[in-house]
């Protein structure tokens, strides 16, 4: 799968997470996702003194890549998903054309037993989607950490 990556959208999370061999494309340049994971790992193991702005930017890059990679590992494991609450927490800053997609785009990546707790109907308005999702997570016995 080739993906134009901005890291901003909820649908990007979904596309990157489910692809078996992601390729990151920026303009005419492309690179395998594994190259970004290797770079993030190397950045986190650096002990070299860098300027504060460089350190801040590189730390952000490494955390972002590792968050995506951890999700990819969870989705491709036997669990075939991640806890919905963890997904919502990890990717809550992502943009969406329709605010309901901040929940709907992630629900399919959740653990199989949690996928049915979100009603992905667009006739619900945004506050209803958030409220119904929060209530479902509170009532779900498999949700921990609330």
C-alpha atoms as a PDB file:
ATOM      1  CA  UNK A   1       0.000   0.000   0.000  1.00  0.00           C
ATOM      2  CA  UNK A   2       1.291   3.440  -0.886  1.00  0.00           C
ATOM      3  CA  UNK A   3       0.131   6.188   1.429  1.00  0.00           C
ATOM      4  CA  UNK A   4       0.514   9.935   1.249  1.00  0.00           C
ATOM      5  CA  UNK A   5       1.214  10.557   4.897  1.00  0.00           C
ATOM      6  CA  UNK A   6       0.438  13.743   6.759  1.00  0.00           C
ATOM      7  CA  UNK A   7       0.022  11.971  10.126  1.00  0.00           C
ATOM      8  CA  UNK A   8      -2.876  14.346  10.718  1.00  0.00           C
ATOM      9  CA  UNK A   9      -5.986  12.475   9.649  1.00  0.00           C
ATOM     10  CA  UNK A  10      -7.901   9.721  11.396  1.00  0.00           C
ATOM     11  CA  UNK A  11      -8.181   7.784   8.154  1.00  0.00           C
ATOM     12  CA  UNK A  12      -4.377   7.827   7.826  1.00  0.00           C
ATOM     13  CA  UNK A  13      -4.210   5.968  11.144  1.00  0.00           C
ATOM     14  CA  UNK A  14      -6.566   3.348   9.765  1.00  0.00           C
ATOM     15  CA  UNK A  15      -4.748   2.967   6.433  1.00  0.00           C
ATOM     16  CA  UNK A  16      -1.299   2.752   7.966  1.00  0.00           C
ATOM     17  CA  UNK A  17      -2.378   0.364  10.691  1.00  0.00           C
ATOM     18  CA  UNK A  18      -4.017  -2.253   8.505  1.00  0.00           C
ATOM     19  CA  UNK A  19      -1.573  -2.336   5.590  1.00  0.00           C
ATOM     20  CA  UNK A  20       0.767  -5.296   5.612  1.00  0.00           C
ATOM     21  CA  UNK A  21       3.677  -3.429   4.007  1.00  0.00           C
ATOM     22  CA  UNK A  22       3.182   0.317   4.246  1.00  0.00           C
ATOM     23  CA  UNK A  23       5.092   2.686   2.028  1.00  0.00           C
ATOM     24  CA  UNK A  24       5.269   6.332   3.025  1.00  0.00           C
ATOM     25  CA  UNK A  25       5.102   8.745   0.124  1.00  0.00           C
ATOM     26  CA  UNK A  26       5.900  12.454   0.199  1.00  0.00           C
ATOM     27  CA  UNK A  27       5.722  14.086  -3.219  1.00  0.00           C
ATOM     28  CA  UNK A  28       7.811  11.967  -5.559  1.00  0.00           C
ATOM     29  CA  UNK A  29       9.833  10.365  -2.763  1.00  0.00           C
ATOM     30  CA  UNK A  30       8.777   7.143  -1.067  1.00  0.00           C
ATOM     31  CA  UNK A  31      10.233   4.927   1.617  1.00  0.00           C
ATOM     32  CA  UNK A  32       9.155   1.760   3.430  1.00  0.00           C
ATOM     33  CA  UNK A  33       7.511   2.248   6.821  1.00  0.00           C
ATOM     34  CA  UNK A  34      10.184   0.035   8.373  1.00  0.00           C
ATOM     35  CA  UNK A  35      12.764   2.735   7.612  1.00  0.00           C
ATOM     36  CA  UNK A  36      10.825   5.183   9.814  1.00  0.00           C
ATOM     37  CA  UNK A  37      10.579   2.601  12.599  1.00  0.00           C
ATOM     38  CA  UNK A  38      14.344   2.013  12.431  1.00  0.00           C
ATOM     39  CA  UNK A  39      14.988   5.769  12.526  1.00  0.00           C
ATOM     40  CA  UNK A  40      12.639   6.229  15.499  1.00  0.00           C
ATOM     41  CA  UNK A  41      14.389   3.444  17.394  1.00  0.00           C
ATOM     42  CA  UNK A  42      17.801   4.988  16.653  1.00  0.00           C
ATOM     43  CA  UNK A  43      16.606   8.440  17.772  1.00  0.00           C
ATOM     44  CA  UNK A  44      15.378   7.071  21.080  1.00  0.00           C
ATOM     45  CA  UNK A  45      18.725   5.417  21.751  1.00  0.00           C
ATOM     46  CA  UNK A  46      20.783   8.539  20.963  1.00  0.00           C
ATOM     47  CA  UNK A  47      22.829   9.937  23.783  1.00  0.00           C
ATOM     48  CA  UNK A  48      24.405  12.679  21.688  1.00  0.00           C
ATOM     49  CA  UNK A  49      23.653  16.209  22.857  1.00  0.00           C
ATOM     50  CA  UNK A  50      21.412  18.005  20.394  1.00  0.00           C
ATOM     51  CA  UNK A  51      19.935  21.453  20.563  1.00  0.00           C
ATOM     52  CA  UNK A  52      16.649  21.723  22.492  1.00  0.00           C
ATOM     53  CA  UNK A  53      14.558  22.309  19.362  1.00  0.00           C
ATOM     54  CA  UNK A  54      16.136  19.355  17.536  1.00  0.00           C
ATOM     55  CA  UNK A  55      15.619  17.120  20.543  1.00  0.00           C
ATOM     56  CA  UNK A  56      11.984  18.164  20.871  1.00  0.00           C
ATOM     57  CA  UNK A  57      11.249  17.551  17.187  1.00  0.00           C
ATOM     58  CA  UNK A  58      13.080  14.224  17.053  1.00  0.00           C
ATOM     59  CA  UNK A  59      11.398  13.006  20.242  1.00  0.00           C
ATOM     60  CA  UNK A  60       8.011  13.896  18.769  1.00  0.00           C
ATOM     61  CA  UNK A  61       8.870  12.034  15.552  1.00  0.00           C
ATOM     62  CA  UNK A  62      10.020   8.957  17.468  1.00  0.00           C
ATOM     63  CA  UNK A  63       6.931   8.901  19.723  1.00  0.00           C
ATOM     64  CA  UNK A  64       4.627   9.341  16.730  1.00  0.00           C
ATOM     65  CA  UNK A  65       6.234   6.545  14.726  1.00  0.00           C
ATOM     66  CA  UNK A  66       6.313   4.225  17.739  1.00  0.00           C
ATOM     67  CA  UNK A  67       2.632   4.877  18.485  1.00  0.00           C
ATOM     68  CA  UNK A  68       1.739   3.882  14.932  1.00  0.00           C
ATOM     69  CA  UNK A  69       4.063   0.885  14.992  1.00  0.00           C
ATOM     70  CA  UNK A  70       2.664  -0.387  18.294  1.00  0.00           C
ATOM     71  CA  UNK A  71      -0.815  -0.225  16.782  1.00  0.00           C
ATOM     72  CA  UNK A  72       0.367  -2.085  13.673  1.00  0.00           C
ATOM     73  CA  UNK A  73       1.888  -4.818  15.853  1.00  0.00           C
ATOM     74  CA  UNK A  74      -1.330  -5.159  17.874  1.00  0.00           C
ATOM     75  CA  UNK A  75      -3.489  -5.359  14.755  1.00  0.00           C
ATOM     76  CA  UNK A  76      -1.305  -7.967  13.100  1.00  0.00           C
ATOM     77  CA  UNK A  77      -1.067 -10.088  16.257  1.00  0.00           C
ATOM     78  CA  UNK A  78      -3.495 -12.755  17.409  1.00  0.00           C
ATOM     79  CA  UNK A  79      -5.487 -10.094  19.274  1.00  0.00           C
ATOM     80  CA  UNK A  80      -6.285  -8.503  15.878  1.00  0.00           C
ATOM     81  CA  UNK A  81      -6.973  -5.151  17.481  1.00  0.00           C
ATOM     82  CA  UNK A  82      -6.234  -2.684  20.215  1.00  0.00           C
ATOM     83  CA  UNK A  83      -8.351  -1.555  23.157  1.00  0.00           C
ATOM     84  CA  UNK A  84     -10.728   1.144  21.899  1.00  0.00           C
ATOM     85  CA  UNK A  85      -9.983   3.461  24.807  1.00  0.00           C
ATOM     86  CA  UNK A  86      -6.248   3.242  24.059  1.00  0.00           C
ATOM     87  CA  UNK A  87      -6.894   4.065  20.410  1.00  0.00           C
ATOM     88  CA  UNK A  88      -9.034   7.065  21.281  1.00  0.00           C
ATOM     89  CA  UNK A  89      -6.406   8.344  23.711  1.00  0.00           C
ATOM     90  CA  UNK A  90      -3.461   7.794  21.365  1.00  0.00           C
ATOM     91  CA  UNK A  91      -5.034   9.370  18.313  1.00  0.00           C
ATOM     92  CA  UNK A  92      -7.385  12.003  19.741  1.00  0.00           C
ATOM     93  CA  UNK A  93      -5.436  14.864  18.156  1.00  0.00           C
ATOM     94  CA  UNK A  94      -5.915  13.584  14.609  1.00  0.00           C
ATOM     95  CA  UNK A  95      -8.006  15.660  12.260  1.00  0.00           C
ATOM     96  CA  UNK A  96     -11.185  14.546  10.555  1.00  0.00           C
ATOM     97  CA  UNK A  97     -13.400  16.229   8.002  1.00  0.00           C
ATOM     98  CA  UNK A  98     -16.336  14.847   9.943  1.00  0.00           C
ATOM     99  CA  UNK A  99     -15.699  14.903  13.705  1.00  0.00           C
ATOM    100  CA  UNK A 100     -17.570  11.612  14.111  1.00  0.00           C
ATOM    101  CA  UNK A 101     -14.746   9.944  12.204  1.00  0.00           C
ATOM    102  CA  UNK A 102     -12.477  10.515  15.209  1.00  0.00           C
ATOM    103  CA  UNK A 103     -14.421   7.596  16.682  1.00  0.00           C
ATOM    104  CA  UNK A 104     -15.685   5.796  13.583  1.00  0.00           C
ATOM    105  CA  UNK A 105     -12.268   5.526  11.877  1.00  0.00           C
ATOM    106  CA  UNK A 106     -10.777   3.885  14.962  1.00  0.00           C
ATOM    107  CA  UNK A 107     -13.588   1.561  15.979  1.00  0.00           C
ATOM    108  CA  UNK A 108     -12.672  -0.983  13.287  1.00  0.00           C
ATOM    109  CA  UNK A 109      -9.151  -1.142  14.715  1.00  0.00           C
ATOM    110  CA  UNK A 110     -10.434  -2.011  18.183  1.00  0.00           C
ATOM    111  CA  UNK A 111     -10.376  -5.448  19.744  1.00  0.00           C
ATOM    112  CA  UNK A 112     -13.025  -7.635  18.097  1.00  0.00           C
ATOM    113  CA  UNK A 113     -15.135  -7.798  21.271  1.00  0.00           C
ATOM    114  CA  UNK A 114     -15.240  -3.977  21.424  1.00  0.00           C
ATOM    115  CA  UNK A 115     -16.179  -3.254  17.813  1.00  0.00           C
ATOM    116  CA  UNK A 116     -19.887  -3.664  18.467  1.00  0.00           C
ATOM    117  CA  UNK A 117     -20.040  -1.103  21.284  1.00  0.00           C
ATOM    118  CA  UNK A 118     -19.830   1.813  18.831  1.00  0.00           C
ATOM    119  CA  UNK A 119     -22.800   2.456  16.571  1.00  0.00           C
ATOM    120  CA  UNK A 120     -21.198   3.879  13.431  1.00  0.00           C
ATOM    121  CA  UNK A 121     -24.294   5.586  12.073  1.00  0.00           C
ATOM    122  CA  UNK A 122     -23.857   9.060  10.642  1.00  0.00           C
ATOM    123  CA  UNK A 123     -27.374  10.104  11.597  1.00  0.00           C
ATOM    124  CA  UNK A 124     -26.115  10.684  15.170  1.00  0.00           C
ATOM    125  CA  UNK A 125     -24.706  14.164  15.718  1.00  0.00           C
ATOM    126  CA  UNK A 126     -21.158  14.651  17.030  1.00  0.00           C
ATOM    127  CA  UNK A 127     -22.020  15.126  20.744  1.00  0.00           C
ATOM    128  CA  UNK A 128     -24.231  12.014  20.648  1.00  0.00           C
ATOM    129  CA  UNK A 129     -21.428   9.929  19.100  1.00  0.00           C
ATOM    130  CA  UNK A 130     -18.963  11.038  21.777  1.00  0.00           C
ATOM    131  CA  UNK A 131     -21.469  10.561  24.594  1.00  0.00           C
ATOM    132  CA  UNK A 132     -22.621   7.127  23.398  1.00  0.00           C
ATOM    133  CA  UNK A 133     -19.011   6.012  22.953  1.00  0.00           C
ATOM    134  CA  UNK A 134     -18.013   7.229  26.432  1.00  0.00           C
ATOM    135  CA  UNK A 135     -21.006   5.520  28.030  1.00  0.00           C
ATOM    136  CA  UNK A 136     -20.340   2.290  26.132  1.00  0.00           C
ATOM    137  CA  UNK A 137     -16.716   2.296  27.279  1.00  0.00           C
ATOM    138  CA  UNK A 138     -17.728   2.918  30.890  1.00  0.00           C
ATOM    139  CA  UNK A 139     -20.200   0.019  30.748  1.00  0.00           C
ATOM    140  CA  UNK A 140     -17.844  -2.339  28.902  1.00  0.00           C
ATOM    141  CA  UNK A 141     -16.303  -4.806  31.381  1.00  0.00           C
ATOM    142  CA  UNK A 142     -13.224  -5.256  29.163  1.00  0.00           C
ATOM    143  CA  UNK A 143     -12.337  -1.567  29.432  1.00  0.00           C
ATOM    144  CA  UNK A 144      -9.754  -0.894  32.092  1.00  0.00           C
ATOM    145  CA  UNK A 145      -8.069   2.285  33.171  1.00  0.00           C
ATOM    146  CA  UNK A 146     -11.134   4.495  33.398  1.00  0.00           C
END
